[in-house]
């Protein structure tokens, strides 16, 4: 890999770790914060939205929502 390609790969990996951390924190916050819970069901697709983060991370929003609902029921 050329230096430029490696740099882009490393930056992409770093960004994905960041957005994964944002999603993890939102799941934790959803236990006590109504706004955090609402964020998961928002239809917003802008940068930083739940749907956007799922797209970046290759995750199914529907699956995450189902899992979150189960977690919150406990």
PDB file of N, CA and C in Angstrom:
ATOM      1  N   UNK A   1       0.840  -1.183   0.000  1.00  0.00           N
ATOM      2  CA  UNK A   1       0.000   0.000   0.000  1.00  0.00           C
ATOM      3  C   UNK A   1       0.881   1.240   0.000  1.00  0.00           C
ATOM      4  N   UNK A   2       0.507   2.207  -0.810  1.00  0.00           N
ATOM      5  CA  UNK A   2       1.223   3.471  -0.783  1.00  0.00           C
ATOM      6  C   UNK A   2       0.906   4.227   0.492  1.00  0.00           C
ATOM      7  N   UNK A   3       1.756   5.195   0.813  1.00  0.00           N
ATOM      8  CA  UNK A   3       1.555   5.962   2.049  1.00  0.00           C
ATOM      9  C   UNK A   3       0.186   6.637   2.097  1.00  0.00           C
ATOM     10  N   UNK A   4      -0.244   7.202   0.969  1.00  0.00           N
ATOM     11  CA  UNK A   4      -1.532   7.890   0.925  1.00  0.00           C
ATOM     12  C   UNK A   4      -2.694   6.951   1.176  1.00  0.00           C
ATOM     13  N   UNK A   5      -2.642   5.777   0.571  1.00  0.00           N
ATOM     14  CA  UNK A   5      -3.710   4.792   0.745  1.00  0.00           C
ATOM     15  C   UNK A   5      -3.747   4.313   2.192  1.00  0.00           C
ATOM     16  N   UNK A   6      -2.578   4.060   2.770  1.00  0.00           N
ATOM     17  CA  UNK A   6      -2.514   3.617   4.160  1.00  0.00           C
ATOM     18  C   UNK A   6      -3.071   4.695   5.084  1.00  0.00           C
ATOM     19  N   UNK A   7      -2.748   5.961   4.809  1.00  0.00           N
ATOM     20  CA  UNK A   7      -3.237   7.069   5.621  1.00  0.00           C
ATOM     21  C   UNK A   7      -4.765   7.116   5.579  1.00  0.00           C
ATOM     22  N   UNK A   8      -5.338   6.987   4.387  1.00  0.00           N
ATOM     23  CA  UNK A   8      -6.795   7.015   4.245  1.00  0.00           C
ATOM     24  C   UNK A   8      -7.418   5.843   4.997  1.00  0.00           C
ATOM     25  N   UNK A   9      -6.822   4.662   4.866  1.00  0.00           N
ATOM     26  CA  UNK A   9      -7.323   3.478   5.564  1.00  0.00           C
ATOM     27  C   UNK A   9      -7.295   3.702   7.075  1.00  0.00           C
ATOM     28  N   UNK A  10      -6.189   4.249   7.569  1.00  0.00           N
ATOM     29  CA  UNK A  10      -6.045   4.492   9.009  1.00  0.00           C
ATOM     30  C   UNK A  10      -7.059   5.529   9.493  1.00  0.00           C
ATOM     31  N   UNK A  11      -7.265   6.581   8.706  1.00  0.00           N
ATOM     32  CA  UNK A  11      -8.234   7.609   9.082  1.00  0.00           C
ATOM     33  C   UNK A  11      -9.651   7.033   9.103  1.00  0.00           C
ATOM     34  N   UNK A  12      -9.970   6.193   8.106  1.00  0.00           N
ATOM     35  CA  UNK A  12     -11.301   5.582   8.055  1.00  0.00           C
ATOM     36  C   UNK A  12     -11.525   4.703   9.285  1.00  0.00           C
ATOM     37  N   UNK A  13     -10.516   3.933   9.643  1.00  0.00           N
ATOM     38  CA  UNK A  13     -10.613   3.054  10.810  1.00  0.00           C
ATOM     39  C   UNK A  13     -10.796   3.878  12.091  1.00  0.00           C
ATOM     40  N   UNK A  14     -10.065   4.977  12.201  1.00  0.00           N
ATOM     41  CA  UNK A  14     -10.160   5.855  13.364  1.00  0.00           C
ATOM     42  C   UNK A  14     -11.553   6.474  13.452  1.00  0.00           C
ATOM     43  N   UNK A  15     -12.076   6.923  12.322  1.00  0.00           N
ATOM     44  CA  UNK A  15     -13.417   7.521  12.305  1.00  0.00           C
ATOM     45  C   UNK A  15     -14.475   6.503  12.705  1.00  0.00           C
ATOM     46  N   UNK A  16     -14.335   5.283  12.231  1.00  0.00           N
ATOM     47  CA  UNK A  16     -15.305   4.246  12.600  1.00  0.00           C
ATOM     48  C   UNK A  16     -15.258   3.966  14.093  1.00  0.00           C
ATOM     49  N   UNK A  17     -14.069   3.981  14.687  1.00  0.00           N
ATOM     50  CA  UNK A  17     -13.964   3.782  16.141  1.00  0.00           C
ATOM     51  C   UNK A  17     -14.670   4.910  16.885  1.00  0.00           C
ATOM     52  N   UNK A  18     -14.512   6.124  16.381  1.00  0.00           N
ATOM     53  CA  UNK A  18     -15.165   7.276  16.998  1.00  0.00           C
ATOM     54  C   UNK A  18     -16.686   7.115  16.971  1.00  0.00           C
ATOM     55  N   UNK A  19     -17.241   6.790  15.805  1.00  0.00           N
ATOM     56  CA  UNK A  19     -18.694   6.671  15.689  1.00  0.00           C
ATOM     57  C   UNK A  19     -19.220   5.467  16.452  1.00  0.00           C
ATOM     58  N   UNK A  20     -18.421   4.439  16.565  1.00  0.00           N
ATOM     59  CA  UNK A  20     -18.806   3.287  17.390  1.00  0.00           C
ATOM     60  C   UNK A  20     -18.911   3.724  18.851  1.00  0.00           C
ATOM     61  N   UNK A  21     -17.968   4.536  19.297  1.00  0.00           N
ATOM     62  CA  UNK A  21     -17.988   5.040  20.677  1.00  0.00           C
ATOM     63  C   UNK A  21     -19.205   5.933  20.910  1.00  0.00           C
ATOM     64  N   UNK A  22     -19.564   6.745  19.917  1.00  0.00           N
ATOM     65  CA  UNK A  22     -20.753   7.600  20.031  1.00  0.00           C
ATOM     66  C   UNK A  22     -22.000   6.732  20.201  1.00  0.00           C
ATOM     67  N   UNK A  23     -22.103   5.679  19.396  1.00  0.00           N
ATOM     68  CA  UNK A  23     -23.247   4.767  19.483  1.00  0.00           C
ATOM     69  C   UNK A  23     -23.292   4.073  20.844  1.00  0.00           C
ATOM     70  N   UNK A  24     -22.156   3.622  21.321  1.00  0.00           N
ATOM     71  CA  UNK A  24     -22.096   2.981  22.647  1.00  0.00           C
ATOM     72  C   UNK A  24     -22.571   3.926  23.738  1.00  0.00           C
ATOM     73  N   UNK A  25     -22.109   5.173  23.686  1.00  0.00           N
ATOM     74  CA  UNK A  25     -22.501   6.147  24.704  1.00  0.00           C
ATOM     75  C   UNK A  25     -23.993   6.439  24.631  1.00  0.00           C
ATOM     76  N   UNK A  26     -24.526   6.516  23.427  1.00  0.00           N
ATOM     77  CA  UNK A  26     -25.964   6.767  23.270  1.00  0.00           C
ATOM     78  C   UNK A  26     -26.787   5.628  23.873  1.00  0.00           C
ATOM     79  N   UNK A  27     -26.305   4.405  23.713  1.00  0.00           N
ATOM     80  CA  UNK A  27     -27.002   3.256  24.312  1.00  0.00           C
ATOM     81  C   UNK A  27     -26.991   3.382  25.836  1.00  0.00           C
ATOM     82  N   UNK A  28     -25.861   3.764  26.400  1.00  0.00           N
ATOM     83  CA  UNK A  28     -25.776   3.962  27.854  1.00  0.00           C
ATOM     84  C   UNK A  28     -26.704   5.089  28.300  1.00  0.00           C
ATOM     85  N   UNK A  29     -26.692   6.190  27.551  1.00  0.00           N
ATOM     86  CA  UNK A  29     -27.513   7.349  27.911  1.00  0.00           C
ATOM     87  C   UNK A  29     -29.005   7.053  27.802  1.00  0.00           C
ATOM     88  N   UNK A  30     -29.376   6.143  26.912  1.00  0.00           N
ATOM     89  CA  UNK A  30     -30.791   5.828  26.693  1.00  0.00           C
ATOM     90  C   UNK A  30     -31.460   5.259  27.941  1.00  0.00           C
ATOM     91  N   UNK A  31     -30.682   4.754  28.872  1.00  0.00           N
ATOM     92  CA  UNK A  31     -31.246   4.212  30.113  1.00  0.00           C
ATOM     93  C   UNK A  31     -31.914   5.290  30.954  1.00  0.00           C
ATOM     94  N   UNK A  32     -31.426   6.515  30.871  1.00  0.00           N
ATOM     95  CA  UNK A  32     -31.954   7.565  31.733  1.00  0.00           C
ATOM     96  C   UNK A  32     -32.365   8.829  30.992  1.00  0.00           C
ATOM     97  N   UNK A  33     -32.039   8.942  29.715  1.00  0.00           N
ATOM     98  CA  UNK A  33     -32.273  10.182  28.971  1.00  0.00           C
ATOM     99  C   UNK A  33     -33.293   9.958  27.853  1.00  0.00           C
ATOM    100  N   UNK A  34     -34.435  10.605  27.978  1.00  0.00           N
ATOM    101  CA  UNK A  34     -35.502  10.461  26.988  1.00  0.00           C
ATOM    102  C   UNK A  34     -35.036  10.945  25.615  1.00  0.00           C
ATOM    103  N   UNK A  35     -34.271  12.017  25.569  1.00  0.00           N
ATOM    104  CA  UNK A  35     -33.775  12.536  24.286  1.00  0.00           C
ATOM    105  C   UNK A  35     -32.848  11.529  23.608  1.00  0.00           C
ATOM    106  N   UNK A  36     -32.051  10.831  24.390  1.00  0.00           N
ATOM    107  CA  UNK A  36     -31.163   9.807  23.823  1.00  0.00           C
ATOM    108  C   UNK A  36     -31.987   8.679  23.221  1.00  0.00           C
ATOM    109  N   UNK A  37     -33.064   8.297  23.900  1.00  0.00           N
ATOM    110  CA  UNK A  37     -33.937   7.247  23.360  1.00  0.00           C
ATOM    111  C   UNK A  37     -34.580   7.700  22.057  1.00  0.00           C
ATOM    112  N   UNK A  38     -35.033   8.929  22.021  1.00  0.00           N
ATOM    113  CA  UNK A  38     -35.686   9.462  20.816  1.00  0.00           C
ATOM    114  C   UNK A  38     -34.720   9.492  19.635  1.00  0.00           C
ATOM    115  N   UNK A  39     -33.437   9.729  19.901  1.00  0.00           N
ATOM    116  CA  UNK A  39     -32.411   9.788  18.847  1.00  0.00           C
ATOM    117  C   UNK A  39     -32.381   8.491  18.049  1.00  0.00           C
ATOM    118  N   UNK A  40     -32.598   7.367  18.708  1.00  0.00           N
ATOM    119  CA  UNK A  40     -32.560   6.074  18.027  1.00  0.00           C
ATOM    120  C   UNK A  40     -33.720   5.894  17.048  1.00  0.00           C
ATOM    121  N   UNK A  41     -34.831   6.568  17.294  1.00  0.00           N
ATOM    122  CA  UNK A  41     -35.996   6.412  16.425  1.00  0.00           C
ATOM    123  C   UNK A  41     -36.193   7.596  15.481  1.00  0.00           C
ATOM    124  N   UNK A  42     -35.262   8.517  15.483  1.00  0.00           N
ATOM    125  CA  UNK A  42     -35.336   9.670  14.587  1.00  0.00           C
ATOM    126  C   UNK A  42     -35.167   9.227  13.132  1.00  0.00           C
ATOM    127  N   UNK A  43     -35.825   9.938  12.237  1.00  0.00           N
ATOM    128  CA  UNK A  43     -35.692   9.662  10.803  1.00  0.00           C
ATOM    129  C   UNK A  43     -34.588  10.515  10.170  1.00  0.00           C
ATOM    130  N   UNK A  44     -33.948  11.350  10.963  1.00  0.00           N
ATOM    131  CA  UNK A  44     -32.848  12.197  10.491  1.00  0.00           C
ATOM    132  C   UNK A  44     -31.732  11.330   9.917  1.00  0.00           C
ATOM    133  N   UNK A  45     -31.188  11.729   8.777  1.00  0.00           N
ATOM    134  CA  UNK A  45     -30.102  10.985   8.152  1.00  0.00           C
ATOM    135  C   UNK A  45     -28.839  11.828   8.007  1.00  0.00           C
ATOM    136  N   UNK A  46     -28.806  12.965   8.695  1.00  0.00           N
ATOM    137  CA  UNK A  46     -27.648  13.845   8.615  1.00  0.00           C
ATOM    138  C   UNK A  46     -26.445  13.273   9.360  1.00  0.00           C
ATOM    139  N   UNK A  47     -25.301  13.908   9.142  1.00  0.00           N
ATOM    140  CA  UNK A  47     -24.061  13.470   9.790  1.00  0.00           C
ATOM    141  C   UNK A  47     -24.249  13.459  11.305  1.00  0.00           C
ATOM    142  N   UNK A  48     -23.898  12.341  11.918  1.00  0.00           N
ATOM    143  CA  UNK A  48     -24.012  12.193  13.363  1.00  0.00           C
ATOM    144  C   UNK A  48     -25.341  11.624  13.825  1.00  0.00           C
ATOM    145  N   UNK A  49     -26.287  11.475  12.902  1.00  0.00           N
ATOM    146  CA  UNK A  49     -27.579  10.896  13.286  1.00  0.00           C
ATOM    147  C   UNK A  49     -27.425   9.389  13.470  1.00  0.00           C
ATOM    148  N   UNK A  50     -28.390   8.796  14.137  1.00  0.00           N
ATOM    149  CA  UNK A  50     -28.364   7.350  14.350  1.00  0.00           C
ATOM    150  C   UNK A  50     -28.313   6.605  13.020  1.00  0.00           C
ATOM    151  N   UNK A  51     -29.176   6.982  12.080  1.00  0.00           N
ATOM    152  CA  UNK A  51     -29.209   6.291  10.784  1.00  0.00           C
ATOM    153  C   UNK A  51     -27.891   6.453  10.034  1.00  0.00           C
ATOM    154  N   UNK A  52     -27.306   7.626  10.108  1.00  0.00           N
ATOM    155  CA  UNK A  52     -26.024   7.878   9.437  1.00  0.00           C
ATOM    156  C   UNK A  52     -24.920   7.025  10.053  1.00  0.00           C
ATOM    157  N   UNK A  53     -24.873   6.968  11.378  1.00  0.00           N
ATOM    158  CA  UNK A  53     -23.851   6.170  12.060  1.00  0.00           C
ATOM    159  C   UNK A  53     -24.003   4.695  11.702  1.00  0.00           C
ATOM    160  N   UNK A  54     -25.231   4.206  11.686  1.00  0.00           N
ATOM    161  CA  UNK A  54     -25.448   2.805  11.291  1.00  0.00           C
ATOM    162  C   UNK A  54     -24.927   2.561   9.880  1.00  0.00           C
ATOM    163  N   UNK A  55     -25.168   3.496   8.990  1.00  0.00           N
ATOM    164  CA  UNK A  55     -24.690   3.359   7.612  1.00  0.00           C
ATOM    165  C   UNK A  55     -23.166   3.321   7.562  1.00  0.00           C
ATOM    166  N   UNK A  56     -22.524   4.223   8.273  1.00  0.00           N
ATOM    167  CA  UNK A  56     -21.055   4.281   8.305  1.00  0.00           C
ATOM    168  C   UNK A  56     -20.469   2.984   8.860  1.00  0.00           C
ATOM    169  N   UNK A  57     -21.116   2.432   9.885  1.00  0.00           N
ATOM    170  CA  UNK A  57     -20.601   1.229  10.545  1.00  0.00           C
ATOM    171  C   UNK A  57     -21.109  -0.068   9.918  1.00  0.00           C
ATOM    172  N   UNK A  58     -22.003   0.043   8.948  1.00  0.00           N
ATOM    173  CA  UNK A  58     -22.542  -1.155   8.306  1.00  0.00           C
ATOM    174  C   UNK A  58     -23.464  -1.952   9.214  1.00  0.00           C
ATOM    175  N   UNK A  59     -24.196  -1.242  10.073  1.00  0.00           N
ATOM    176  CA  UNK A  59     -25.103  -1.892  11.019  1.00  0.00           C
ATOM    177  C   UNK A  59     -26.551  -1.724  10.580  1.00  0.00           C
ATOM    178  N   UNK A  60     -27.392  -2.640  10.991  1.00  0.00           N
ATOM    179  CA  UNK A  60     -28.822  -2.564  10.705  1.00  0.00           C
ATOM    180  C   UNK A  60     -29.507  -1.713  11.774  1.00  0.00           C
ATOM    181  N   UNK A  61     -30.077  -0.566  11.393  1.00  0.00           N
ATOM    182  CA  UNK A  61     -30.773   0.257  12.389  1.00  0.00           C
ATOM    183  C   UNK A  61     -31.916  -0.499  13.071  1.00  0.00           C
ATOM    184  N   UNK A  62     -32.626  -1.319  12.297  1.00  0.00           N
ATOM    185  CA  UNK A  62     -33.750  -2.064  12.858  1.00  0.00           C
ATOM    186  C   UNK A  62     -33.279  -3.035  13.943  1.00  0.00           C
ATOM    187  N   UNK A  63     -32.182  -3.719  13.675  1.00  0.00           N
ATOM    188  CA  UNK A  63     -31.641  -4.663  14.658  1.00  0.00           C
ATOM    189  C   UNK A  63     -31.188  -3.936  15.919  1.00  0.00           C
ATOM    190  N   UNK A  64     -30.488  -2.825  15.757  1.00  0.00           N
ATOM    191  CA  UNK A  64     -30.027  -2.043  16.917  1.00  0.00           C
ATOM    192  C   UNK A  64     -31.232  -1.573  17.728  1.00  0.00           C
ATOM    193  N   UNK A  65     -32.269  -1.106  17.059  1.00  0.00           N
ATOM    194  CA  UNK A  65     -33.471  -0.642  17.765  1.00  0.00           C
ATOM    195  C   UNK A  65     -34.135  -1.772  18.545  1.00  0.00           C
ATOM    196  N   UNK A  66     -34.225  -2.952  17.933  1.00  0.00           N
ATOM    197  CA  UNK A  66     -34.821  -4.101  18.641  1.00  0.00           C
ATOM    198  C   UNK A  66     -33.994  -4.470  19.868  1.00  0.00           C
ATOM    199  N   UNK A  67     -32.676  -4.503  19.700  1.00  0.00           N
ATOM    200  CA  UNK A  67     -31.802  -4.838  20.830  1.00  0.00           C
ATOM    201  C   UNK A  67     -31.905  -3.789  21.931  1.00  0.00           C
ATOM    202  N   UNK A  68     -31.955  -2.520  21.540  1.00  0.00           N
ATOM    203  CA  UNK A  68     -32.080  -1.448  22.524  1.00  0.00           C
ATOM    204  C   UNK A  68     -33.401  -1.573  23.283  1.00  0.00           C
ATOM    205  N   UNK A  69     -34.476  -1.860  22.582  1.00  0.00           N
ATOM    206  CA  UNK A  69     -35.778  -2.018  23.244  1.00  0.00           C
ATOM    207  C   UNK A  69     -35.718  -3.133  24.279  1.00  0.00           C
ATOM    208  N   UNK A  70     -35.056  -4.231  23.947  1.00  0.00           N
ATOM    209  CA  UNK A  70     -34.911  -5.333  24.912  1.00  0.00           C
ATOM    210  C   UNK A  70     -34.091  -4.897  26.122  1.00  0.00           C
ATOM    211  N   UNK A  71     -33.003  -4.185  25.870  1.00  0.00           N
ATOM    212  CA  UNK A  71     -32.143  -3.707  26.961  1.00  0.00           C
ATOM    213  C   UNK A  71     -32.938  -2.793  27.895  1.00  0.00           C
ATOM    214  N   UNK A  72     -33.738  -1.903  27.320  1.00  0.00           N
ATOM    215  CA  UNK A  72     -34.485  -0.942  28.129  1.00  0.00           C
ATOM    216  C   UNK A  72     -35.625  -1.591  28.905  1.00  0.00           C
ATOM    217  N   UNK A  73     -36.110  -2.729  28.439  1.00  0.00           N
ATOM    218  CA  UNK A  73     -37.167  -3.449  29.159  1.00  0.00           C
ATOM    219  C   UNK A  73     -36.650  -4.070  30.450  1.00  0.00           C
ATOM    220  N   UNK A  74     -35.372  -4.383  30.495  1.00  0.00           N
ATOM    221  CA  UNK A  74     -34.792  -5.077  31.659  1.00  0.00           C
ATOM    222  C   UNK A  74     -34.724  -4.192  32.870  1.00  0.00           C
TER     223      UNK A  74
END
